[in-house]
């Protein structure tokens, strides 16, 4: 009998930096099939330094959450 394997891919609903809920409207729409308003991230500013903190395996797989974006903005 085999045991369930843990997914090797990041959870697209979780921030790749802190693991918190990223509230990605695009992911919610993909999961539910229900049209969502524009995602909060469309109006956010992401610095190159913030993107550089994303682990390689999570790049392009999961969105950074608003809390991490806010913390990064406060540090600049």
Protein backbone atom coordinates (compact mmCIF):
# COMPACT_ATOMS: atom_id res chain seq x y z
CA UNK A 1 0.00 0.00 0.00
CA UNK A 2 1.42 3.39 -0.94
CA UNK A 3 1.14 6.54 1.12
CA UNK A 4 -0.14 9.78 -0.38
CA UNK A 5 2.63 11.89 -1.79
CA UNK A 6 2.90 15.53 -0.88
CA UNK A 7 2.57 17.75 -3.93
CA UNK A 8 5.86 19.07 -5.18
CA UNK A 9 4.19 22.15 -6.64
CA UNK A 10 3.43 25.27 -4.59
CA UNK A 11 -0.19 25.89 -3.58
CA UNK A 12 -1.39 28.66 -5.95
CA UNK A 13 -3.69 29.97 -3.20
CA UNK A 14 -0.79 30.52 -0.77
CA UNK A 15 1.91 33.18 -0.75
CA UNK A 16 5.29 31.65 -1.69
CA UNK A 17 7.01 33.88 0.89
CA UNK A 18 4.92 33.51 4.06
CA UNK A 19 2.45 30.73 3.24
CA UNK A 20 -0.54 32.96 3.96
CA UNK A 21 -3.67 33.20 1.82
CA UNK A 22 -2.80 35.35 -1.19
CA UNK A 23 -6.45 36.14 -2.08
CA UNK A 24 -5.65 35.80 -5.79
CA UNK A 25 -8.85 36.58 -7.72
CA UNK A 26 -7.50 34.79 -10.79
CA UNK A 27 -6.93 31.59 -8.78
CA UNK A 28 -10.38 31.87 -7.16
CA UNK A 29 -11.92 32.23 -10.63
CA UNK A 30 -9.94 29.23 -11.90
CA UNK A 31 -11.06 27.09 -8.93
CA UNK A 32 -14.72 28.12 -8.88
CA UNK A 33 -15.40 28.99 -12.51
CA UNK A 34 -17.08 32.17 -11.25
CA UNK A 35 -16.07 35.53 -12.70
CA UNK A 36 -14.13 37.64 -10.18
CA UNK A 37 -13.42 41.37 -10.04
CA UNK A 38 -9.88 42.44 -10.95
CA UNK A 39 -7.33 41.06 -8.50
CA UNK A 40 -5.94 43.38 -5.80
CA UNK A 41 -2.48 42.84 -7.27
CA UNK A 42 -3.34 44.70 -10.47
CA UNK A 43 -2.95 47.96 -8.53
CA UNK A 44 0.02 46.89 -6.40
CA UNK A 45 3.70 47.66 -6.92
CA UNK A 46 6.10 44.73 -6.77
CA UNK A 47 9.80 45.51 -6.45
CA UNK A 48 12.51 43.41 -8.11
CA UNK A 49 13.89 42.70 -4.62
CA UNK A 50 10.53 41.23 -3.57
CA UNK A 51 10.40 38.99 -6.65
CA UNK A 52 13.98 37.88 -5.96
CA UNK A 53 12.84 36.40 -2.63
CA UNK A 54 10.47 33.92 -4.31
CA UNK A 55 11.90 30.38 -4.28
CA UNK A 56 12.72 29.13 -7.78
CA UNK A 57 10.15 26.31 -7.59
CA UNK A 58 7.36 28.81 -6.81
CA UNK A 59 8.13 31.36 -9.55
CA UNK A 60 5.11 31.75 -11.81
CA UNK A 61 3.14 29.26 -9.68
CA UNK A 62 1.74 31.32 -6.79
CA UNK A 63 1.09 34.99 -6.07
CA UNK A 64 2.70 37.02 -3.31
CA UNK A 65 0.14 38.13 -0.68
CA UNK A 66 -0.82 41.73 0.09
CA UNK A 67 0.81 41.53 3.54
CA UNK A 68 4.22 40.65 2.05
CA UNK A 69 3.86 43.36 -0.60
CA UNK A 70 3.01 45.87 2.15
CA UNK A 71 5.97 44.84 4.29
CA UNK A 72 8.33 45.14 1.33
CA UNK A 73 6.96 48.60 0.48
CA UNK A 74 7.46 49.75 4.07
CA UNK A 75 11.11 48.68 3.93
CA UNK A 76 11.92 50.76 0.84
